[in-house]
Amino acid sequence: TFGMMYQYSEHIMVSLSHDEVVHLKKSMLSKMPGDEWQMRANLRCLCGYQVGFPGKKLIFMGSEFGQWTEWSEERALDWDLLSQPNHRGLLQFATDLFQLYRREPALFQQDADPNGFEWMECDDADQSLLMFVRRAKADAGRDLLVVCNFTPLPRKVQVPLPRMGTWEVLVNSDSTAYGGSGIEVLPVVGERVPSKGRKQSCQVTLPPLSTVFWGHLPDSEPP
């Protein structure tokens, strides 16, 4: 969260770069904590947070399908891992995540403008939750809600919303298609229940080690 302190004083690259995965620092997947399932879930959660956060994105080759070994200029990537369903799931997640980035202006139009980002929750250290909204320029795209659960426990939480209406699920990093646990995440509808200083909120069950993107349906907002 500290990056937001200087987010708008310079142009930011949100990078998981060469410097992170060489010289005995391990690949992005192999440096994750937990068992193998949790390691993959952590990587998906991190990449989801990276894409949701303001700034231009950079990932390093092999991270998109979960290479275990550290990168080396002396050999090819471990493409044979794609014969395994769990690694194909990671690649499918990366594919869907960056397709979402390309089609939703809220994720890239206002990286350098404070109007493009708003925290919904940034100090829930007890539950390790982060929630924020990304916005496109006026009349250029819809609002997106991004919620991260950085613990290996599912959590039932009250999520503050910036506006009423229906929010559809766009990407859930815990989907079984990606190798997740498959805890169902549903579209949400804003209710007149105050939460975290907002006049409206919704209740959701967040999967473990997950990042979930919701998109607002403008025509669903009540007058």
C-alpha atoms as a PDB file:
ATOM      1  CA  THR A   1       0.000   0.000   0.000  1.00  0.00           C
ATOM      2  CA  PHE A   2       2.953   2.371   0.538  1.00  0.00           C
ATOM      3  CA  GLY A   3       3.309   2.885  -3.205  1.00  0.00           C
ATOM      4  CA  MET A   4       0.180   5.021  -3.172  1.00  0.00           C
ATOM      5  CA  MET A   5       2.089   7.643  -1.155  1.00  0.00           C
ATOM      6  CA  TYR A   6       4.034   8.646  -4.289  1.00  0.00           C
ATOM      7  CA  GLN A   7       1.895   7.110  -7.018  1.00  0.00           C
ATOM      8  CA  TYR A   8       1.082  10.419  -8.703  1.00  0.00           C
ATOM      9  CA  SER A   9       4.464  12.125  -8.485  1.00  0.00           C
ATOM     10  CA  GLU A  10       6.011   9.923 -11.194  1.00  0.00           C
ATOM     11  CA  HIS A  11       5.050   7.380 -13.837  1.00  0.00           C
ATOM     12  CA  ILE A  12       5.062   3.951 -12.216  1.00  0.00           C
ATOM     13  CA  MET A  13       6.070   0.539 -13.557  1.00  0.00           C
ATOM     14  CA  VAL A  14       4.496  -2.224 -11.478  1.00  0.00           C
ATOM     15  CA  SER A  15       7.153  -4.824 -12.179  1.00  0.00           C
ATOM     16  CA  LEU A  16       7.937  -8.416 -11.260  1.00  0.00           C
ATOM     17  CA  SER A  17      11.121  -8.222 -13.228  1.00  0.00           C
ATOM     18  CA  HIS A  18      14.440  -9.830 -14.121  1.00  0.00           C
ATOM     19  CA  ASP A  19      15.925  -8.587 -10.849  1.00  0.00           C
ATOM     20  CA  GLU A  20      13.407 -10.647  -8.865  1.00  0.00           C
ATOM     21  CA  VAL A  21      14.078 -14.045 -10.453  1.00  0.00           C
ATOM     22  CA  VAL A  22      17.848 -14.389 -10.960  1.00  0.00           C
ATOM     23  CA  HIS A  23      21.060 -14.637  -8.898  1.00  0.00           C
ATOM     24  CA  LEU A  24      19.662 -17.248  -6.477  1.00  0.00           C
ATOM     25  CA  LYS A  25      16.475 -15.281  -5.739  1.00  0.00           C
ATOM     26  CA  LYS A  26      14.300 -18.147  -7.106  1.00  0.00           C
ATOM     27  CA  SER A  27      11.440 -18.006  -9.588  1.00  0.00           C
ATOM     28  CA  MET A  28       8.283 -16.138  -8.597  1.00  0.00           C
ATOM     29  CA  LEU A  29       6.449 -19.415  -7.952  1.00  0.00           C
ATOM     30  CA  SER A  30       9.172 -21.144  -5.959  1.00  0.00           C
ATOM     31  CA  LYS A  31       9.612 -18.195  -3.567  1.00  0.00           C
ATOM     32  CA  MET A  32       5.954 -18.331  -2.512  1.00  0.00           C
ATOM     33  CA  PRO A  33       5.060 -19.690   0.960  1.00  0.00           C
ATOM     34  CA  GLY A  34       2.959 -22.748   1.763  1.00  0.00           C
ATOM     35  CA  ASP A  35       2.398 -26.074   0.059  1.00  0.00           C
ATOM     36  CA  GLU A  36       2.256 -26.404  -3.731  1.00  0.00           C
ATOM     37  CA  TRP A  37      -1.428 -25.470  -3.924  1.00  0.00           C
ATOM     38  CA  GLN A  38      -0.870 -22.394  -1.763  1.00  0.00           C
ATOM     39  CA  MET A  39       2.208 -21.406  -3.758  1.00  0.00           C
ATOM     40  CA  ARG A  40       0.209 -21.356  -6.984  1.00  0.00           C
ATOM     41  CA  ALA A  41      -2.683 -19.560  -5.304  1.00  0.00           C
ATOM     42  CA  ASN A  42      -0.275 -16.962  -3.895  1.00  0.00           C
ATOM     43  CA  LEU A  43       1.179 -16.341  -7.344  1.00  0.00           C
ATOM     44  CA  ARG A  44      -2.270 -15.876  -8.883  1.00  0.00           C
ATOM     45  CA  CYS A  45      -3.296 -13.577  -6.029  1.00  0.00           C
ATOM     46  CA  LEU A  46      -0.137 -11.488  -6.440  1.00  0.00           C
ATOM     47  CA  CYS A  47      -0.520 -11.173 -10.205  1.00  0.00           C
ATOM     48  CA  GLY A  48      -4.159 -10.181  -9.781  1.00  0.00           C
ATOM     49  CA  TYR A  49      -3.153  -7.469  -7.315  1.00  0.00           C
ATOM     50  CA  GLN A  50      -0.410  -6.309  -9.669  1.00  0.00           C
ATOM     51  CA  VAL A  51      -2.796  -5.939 -12.609  1.00  0.00           C
ATOM     52  CA  GLY A  52      -5.450  -4.249 -10.487  1.00  0.00           C
ATOM     53  CA  PHE A  53      -3.068  -1.679  -8.987  1.00  0.00           C
ATOM     54  CA  PRO A  54      -2.320   1.531 -10.949  1.00  0.00           C
ATOM     55  CA  GLY A  55       0.801   1.515 -13.110  1.00  0.00           C
ATOM     56  CA  LYS A  56       2.075  -0.189 -16.253  1.00  0.00           C
ATOM     57  CA  LYS A  57       2.637  -3.916 -15.863  1.00  0.00           C
ATOM     58  CA  LEU A  58       5.767  -5.981 -16.318  1.00  0.00           C
ATOM     59  CA  ILE A  59       6.152  -9.701 -15.575  1.00  0.00           C
ATOM     60  CA  PHE A  60       9.167 -11.833 -16.354  1.00  0.00           C
ATOM     61  CA  MET A  61       9.108 -14.770 -18.760  1.00  0.00           C
ATOM     62  CA  GLY A  62       8.124 -18.069 -17.195  1.00  0.00           C
ATOM     63  CA  SER A  63       6.105 -16.462 -14.400  1.00  0.00           C
ATOM     64  CA  GLU A  64       2.936 -16.684 -16.481  1.00  0.00           C
ATOM     65  CA  PHE A  65       2.891 -20.488 -16.313  1.00  0.00           C
ATOM     66  CA  GLY A  66       4.679 -20.991 -13.002  1.00  0.00           C
ATOM     67  CA  GLN A  67       8.224 -22.010 -13.841  1.00  0.00           C
ATOM     68  CA  TRP A  68       9.801 -23.623 -10.762  1.00  0.00           C
ATOM     69  CA  THR A  69      13.451 -23.113 -11.661  1.00  0.00           C
ATOM     70  CA  GLU A  70      15.254 -19.806 -11.684  1.00  0.00           C
ATOM     71  CA  TRP A  71      15.565 -18.207 -15.108  1.00  0.00           C
ATOM     72  CA  SER A  72      18.841 -18.629 -16.977  1.00  0.00           C
ATOM     73  CA  GLU A  73      20.030 -17.183 -20.268  1.00  0.00           C
ATOM     74  CA  GLU A  74      21.724 -20.536 -20.961  1.00  0.00           C
ATOM     75  CA  ARG A  75      18.575 -22.597 -21.446  1.00  0.00           C
ATOM     76  CA  ALA A  76      15.023 -22.388 -22.682  1.00  0.00           C
ATOM     77  CA  LEU A  77      12.018 -21.894 -20.463  1.00  0.00           C
ATOM     78  CA  ASP A  78      10.518 -25.048 -18.944  1.00  0.00           C
ATOM     79  CA  TRP A  79       7.742 -25.322 -21.526  1.00  0.00           C
ATOM     80  CA  ASP A  80       7.241 -29.002 -20.678  1.00  0.00           C
ATOM     81  CA  LEU A  81       5.461 -27.876 -17.497  1.00  0.00           C
ATOM     82  CA  LEU A  82       2.454 -27.026 -19.678  1.00  0.00           C
ATOM     83  CA  SER A  83       1.770 -30.756 -19.933  1.00  0.00           C
ATOM     84  CA  GLN A  84       0.588 -30.480 -16.303  1.00  0.00           C
ATOM     85  CA  PRO A  85      -2.949 -29.176 -15.601  1.00  0.00           C
ATOM     86  CA  ASN A  86      -1.877 -26.914 -12.717  1.00  0.00           C
ATOM     87  CA  HIS A  87       0.602 -25.040 -14.881  1.00  0.00           C
ATOM     88  CA  ARG A  88      -1.874 -24.783 -17.762  1.00  0.00           C
ATOM     89  CA  GLY A  89      -4.265 -23.289 -15.191  1.00  0.00           C
ATOM     90  CA  LEU A  90      -1.723 -20.624 -14.273  1.00  0.00           C
ATOM     91  CA  LEU A  91      -1.256 -19.761 -17.943  1.00  0.00           C
ATOM     92  CA  GLN A  92      -5.024 -19.566 -18.460  1.00  0.00           C
ATOM     93  CA  PHE A  93      -5.261 -17.188 -15.502  1.00  0.00           C
ATOM     94  CA  ALA A  94      -2.524 -14.951 -16.923  1.00  0.00           C
ATOM     95  CA  THR A  95      -4.289 -15.005 -20.304  1.00  0.00           C
ATOM     96  CA  ASP A  96      -7.682 -14.061 -18.858  1.00  0.00           C
ATOM     97  CA  LEU A  97      -6.160 -11.451 -16.552  1.00  0.00           C
ATOM     98  CA  PHE A  98      -4.374  -9.569 -19.318  1.00  0.00           C
ATOM     99  CA  GLN A  99      -7.369  -9.827 -21.634  1.00  0.00           C
ATOM    100  CA  LEU A 100      -9.356  -8.183 -18.843  1.00  0.00           C
ATOM    101  CA  TYR A 101      -6.695  -5.469 -18.658  1.00  0.00           C
ATOM    102  CA  ARG A 102      -6.957  -4.805 -22.393  1.00  0.00           C
ATOM    103  CA  ARG A 103     -10.740  -4.502 -22.502  1.00  0.00           C
ATOM    104  CA  GLU A 104     -11.413  -2.525 -19.287  1.00  0.00           C
ATOM    105  CA  PRO A 105     -10.240   1.122 -19.573  1.00  0.00           C
ATOM    106  CA  ALA A 106     -10.496   1.517 -15.798  1.00  0.00           C
ATOM    107  CA  LEU A 107      -7.341  -0.597 -15.468  1.00  0.00           C
ATOM    108  CA  PHE A 108      -5.098   1.625 -17.590  1.00  0.00           C
ATOM    109  CA  GLN A 109      -6.606   4.986 -18.533  1.00  0.00           C
ATOM    110  CA  GLN A 110      -5.969   6.875 -15.305  1.00  0.00           C
ATOM    111  CA  ASP A 111      -2.835   5.292 -13.842  1.00  0.00           C
ATOM    112  CA  ALA A 112      -1.347   8.743 -13.248  1.00  0.00           C
ATOM    113  CA  ASP A 113      -4.563  10.435 -12.124  1.00  0.00           C
ATOM    114  CA  PRO A 114      -5.902  10.191  -8.543  1.00  0.00           C
ATOM    115  CA  ASN A 115      -9.421  10.066  -9.986  1.00  0.00           C
ATOM    116  CA  GLY A 116      -8.659   6.588 -11.320  1.00  0.00           C
ATOM    117  CA  PHE A 117      -8.189   4.921  -7.926  1.00  0.00           C
ATOM    118  CA  GLU A 118      -9.924   4.822  -4.546  1.00  0.00           C
ATOM    119  CA  TRP A 119      -9.252   2.644  -1.514  1.00  0.00           C
ATOM    120  CA  MET A 120     -12.283   0.844  -0.103  1.00  0.00           C
ATOM    121  CA  GLU A 121     -10.183  -0.908   2.572  1.00  0.00           C
ATOM    122  CA  CYS A 122      -6.446  -0.594   3.144  1.00  0.00           C
ATOM    123  CA  ASP A 123      -5.870  -1.085   6.880  1.00  0.00           C
ATOM    124  CA  ASP A 124      -7.437  -4.454   7.722  1.00  0.00           C
ATOM    125  CA  ALA A 125      -4.200  -6.069   8.861  1.00  0.00           C
ATOM    126  CA  ASP A 126      -6.026  -8.588  11.063  1.00  0.00           C
ATOM    127  CA  GLN A 127      -7.676 -10.224   8.057  1.00  0.00           C
ATOM    128  CA  SER A 128      -5.057  -9.276   5.434  1.00  0.00           C
ATOM    129  CA  LEU A 129      -7.626  -7.785   3.072  1.00  0.00           C
ATOM    130  CA  LEU A 130      -7.258  -5.044   0.474  1.00  0.00           C
ATOM    131  CA  MET A 131     -10.147  -3.524  -1.474  1.00  0.00           C
ATOM    132  CA  PHE A 132     -10.027  -0.738  -4.046  1.00  0.00           C
ATOM    133  CA  VAL A 133     -11.866   0.721  -7.020  1.00  0.00           C
ATOM    134  CA  ARG A 134     -10.408   1.535 -10.434  1.00  0.00           C
ATOM    135  CA  ARG A 135     -12.128   4.104 -12.650  1.00  0.00           C
ATOM    136  CA  ALA A 136     -11.938   5.016 -16.325  1.00  0.00           C
ATOM    137  CA  LYS A 137     -12.321   8.541 -17.656  1.00  0.00           C
ATOM    138  CA  ALA A 138     -15.867   9.871 -17.675  1.00  0.00           C
ATOM    139  CA  ASP A 139     -18.060   7.977 -20.170  1.00  0.00           C
ATOM    140  CA  ALA A 140     -15.076   5.837 -21.267  1.00  0.00           C
ATOM    141  CA  GLY A 141     -15.679   2.727 -19.175  1.00  0.00           C
ATOM    142  CA  ARG A 142     -17.163   1.296 -16.027  1.00  0.00           C
ATOM    143  CA  ASP A 143     -15.875   1.151 -12.468  1.00  0.00           C
ATOM    144  CA  LEU A 144     -14.097  -1.997 -11.305  1.00  0.00           C
ATOM    145  CA  LEU A 145     -13.887  -3.327  -7.748  1.00  0.00           C
ATOM    146  CA  VAL A 146     -10.787  -5.343  -6.807  1.00  0.00           C
ATOM    147  CA  VAL A 147     -10.668  -7.360  -3.582  1.00  0.00           C
ATOM    148  CA  CYS A 148      -7.629  -9.344  -2.360  1.00  0.00           C
ATOM    149  CA  ASN A 149      -7.611 -11.936   0.414  1.00  0.00           C
ATOM    150  CA  PHE A 150      -3.968 -12.600   1.291  1.00  0.00           C
ATOM    151  CA  THR A 151      -4.628 -15.421   3.764  1.00  0.00           C
ATOM    152  CA  PRO A 152      -5.189 -19.168   3.123  1.00  0.00           C
ATOM    153  CA  LEU A 153      -8.629 -18.908   4.762  1.00  0.00           C
ATOM    154  CA  PRO A 154     -11.980 -18.115   3.118  1.00  0.00           C
ATOM    155  CA  ARG A 155     -13.458 -14.986   4.662  1.00  0.00           C
ATOM    156  CA  LYS A 156     -17.032 -13.731   4.858  1.00  0.00           C
ATOM    157  CA  VAL A 157     -16.752  -9.956   4.796  1.00  0.00           C
ATOM    158  CA  GLN A 158     -18.774  -6.795   4.322  1.00  0.00           C
ATOM    159  CA  VAL A 159     -17.394  -5.030   1.275  1.00  0.00           C
ATOM    160  CA  PRO A 160     -17.943  -1.258   1.034  1.00  0.00           C
ATOM    161  CA  LEU A 161     -19.084  -0.118  -2.393  1.00  0.00           C
ATOM    162  CA  PRO A 162     -18.618   3.261  -4.081  1.00  0.00           C
ATOM    163  CA  ARG A 163     -22.075   3.082  -5.648  1.00  0.00           C
ATOM    164  CA  MET A 164     -25.278   1.044  -5.746  1.00  0.00           C
ATOM    165  CA  GLY A 165     -26.291  -1.385  -8.466  1.00  0.00           C
ATOM    166  CA  THR A 166     -25.078  -4.785  -9.600  1.00  0.00           C
ATOM    167  CA  TRP A 167     -21.412  -5.770  -9.840  1.00  0.00           C
ATOM    168  CA  GLU A 168     -20.635  -8.768 -12.056  1.00  0.00           C
ATOM    169  CA  VAL A 169     -17.691 -11.119 -11.506  1.00  0.00           C
ATOM    170  CA  LEU A 170     -15.028 -10.593 -14.169  1.00  0.00           C
ATOM    171  CA  VAL A 171     -12.066 -12.676 -12.948  1.00  0.00           C
ATOM    172  CA  ASN A 172     -11.721 -14.829  -9.831  1.00  0.00           C
ATOM    173  CA  SER A 173      -8.192 -16.143  -9.288  1.00  0.00           C
ATOM    174  CA  ASP A 174      -9.600 -19.038  -7.227  1.00  0.00           C
ATOM    175  CA  SER A 175     -11.587 -20.481 -10.140  1.00  0.00           C
ATOM    176  CA  THR A 176     -11.122 -24.218 -10.701  1.00  0.00           C
ATOM    177  CA  ALA A 177     -10.153 -23.389 -14.293  1.00  0.00           C
ATOM    178  CA  TYR A 178      -6.981 -21.865 -12.849  1.00  0.00           C
ATOM    179  CA  GLY A 179      -6.332 -24.570 -10.262  1.00  0.00           C
ATOM    180  CA  GLY A 180      -8.201 -22.835  -7.441  1.00  0.00           C
ATOM    181  CA  SER A 181     -10.465 -24.263  -4.761  1.00  0.00           C
ATOM    182  CA  GLY A 182     -13.601 -23.293  -6.656  1.00  0.00           C
ATOM    183  CA  ILE A 183     -15.365 -21.385  -3.877  1.00  0.00           C
ATOM    184  CA  GLU A 184     -18.226 -19.747  -5.734  1.00  0.00           C
ATOM    185  CA  VAL A 185     -18.030 -15.987  -6.062  1.00  0.00           C
ATOM    186  CA  LEU A 186     -21.287 -14.423  -7.203  1.00  0.00           C
ATOM    187  CA  PRO A 187     -22.349 -11.098  -8.649  1.00  0.00           C
ATOM    188  CA  VAL A 188     -23.140  -8.652  -5.858  1.00  0.00           C
ATOM    189  CA  VAL A 189     -25.884  -6.077  -5.452  1.00  0.00           C
ATOM    190  CA  GLY A 190     -25.342  -2.978  -3.364  1.00  0.00           C
ATOM    191  CA  GLU A 191     -27.451  -2.632  -0.221  1.00  0.00           C
ATOM    192  CA  ARG A 192     -28.083   0.452   1.912  1.00  0.00           C
ATOM    193  CA  VAL A 193     -25.824  -0.907   4.643  1.00  0.00           C
ATOM    194  CA  PRO A 194     -23.050   1.527   5.698  1.00  0.00           C
ATOM    195  CA  SER A 195     -19.509   0.140   5.821  1.00  0.00           C
ATOM    196  CA  LYS A 196     -16.080   1.788   6.142  1.00  0.00           C
ATOM    197  CA  GLY A 197     -17.560   5.239   5.648  1.00  0.00           C
ATOM    198  CA  ARG A 198     -19.579   4.243   2.545  1.00  0.00           C
ATOM    199  CA  LYS A 199     -23.365   4.404   2.432  1.00  0.00           C
ATOM    200  CA  GLN A 200     -23.673   1.090   0.606  1.00  0.00           C
ATOM    201  CA  SER A 201     -22.011  -2.314   0.802  1.00  0.00           C
ATOM    202  CA  CYS A 202     -22.469  -6.005   0.111  1.00  0.00           C
ATOM    203  CA  GLN A 203     -21.550  -9.237   1.855  1.00  0.00           C
ATOM    204  CA  VAL A 204     -19.314 -11.727   0.066  1.00  0.00           C
ATOM    205  CA  THR A 205     -17.365 -14.880   0.845  1.00  0.00           C
ATOM    206  CA  LEU A 206     -13.811 -14.427  -0.397  1.00  0.00           C
ATOM    207  CA  PRO A 207     -11.852 -17.517  -1.455  1.00  0.00           C
ATOM    208  CA  PRO A 208      -8.467 -18.177   0.145  1.00  0.00           C
ATOM    209  CA  LEU A 209      -5.407 -16.499  -1.368  1.00  0.00           C
ATOM    210  CA  SER A 210      -7.469 -14.813  -4.045  1.00  0.00           C
ATOM    211  CA  THR A 211      -7.929 -11.658  -6.057  1.00  0.00           C
ATOM    212  CA  VAL A 212     -11.413 -11.049  -7.439  1.00  0.00           C
ATOM    213  CA  PHE A 213     -12.452  -8.419  -9.983  1.00  0.00           C
ATOM    214  CA  TRP A 214     -16.035  -7.173 -10.199  1.00  0.00           C
ATOM    215  CA  GLY A 215     -17.369  -4.781 -12.844  1.00  0.00           C
ATOM    216  CA  HIS A 216     -20.228  -2.351 -12.249  1.00  0.00           C
ATOM    217  CA  LEU A 217     -23.261  -2.590 -14.512  1.00  0.00           C
ATOM    218  CA  PRO A 218     -24.240   1.081 -15.019  1.00  0.00           C
ATOM    219  CA  ASP A 219     -27.839   0.351 -16.064  1.00  0.00           C
ATOM    220  CA  SER A 220     -28.423  -1.491 -12.768  1.00  0.00           C
ATOM    221  CA  GLU A 221     -27.936   1.525 -10.529  1.00  0.00           C
ATOM    222  CA  PRO A 222     -31.224   2.661  -8.957  1.00  0.00           C
ATOM    223  CA  PRO A 223     -32.261   6.314  -9.339  1.00  0.00           C
END
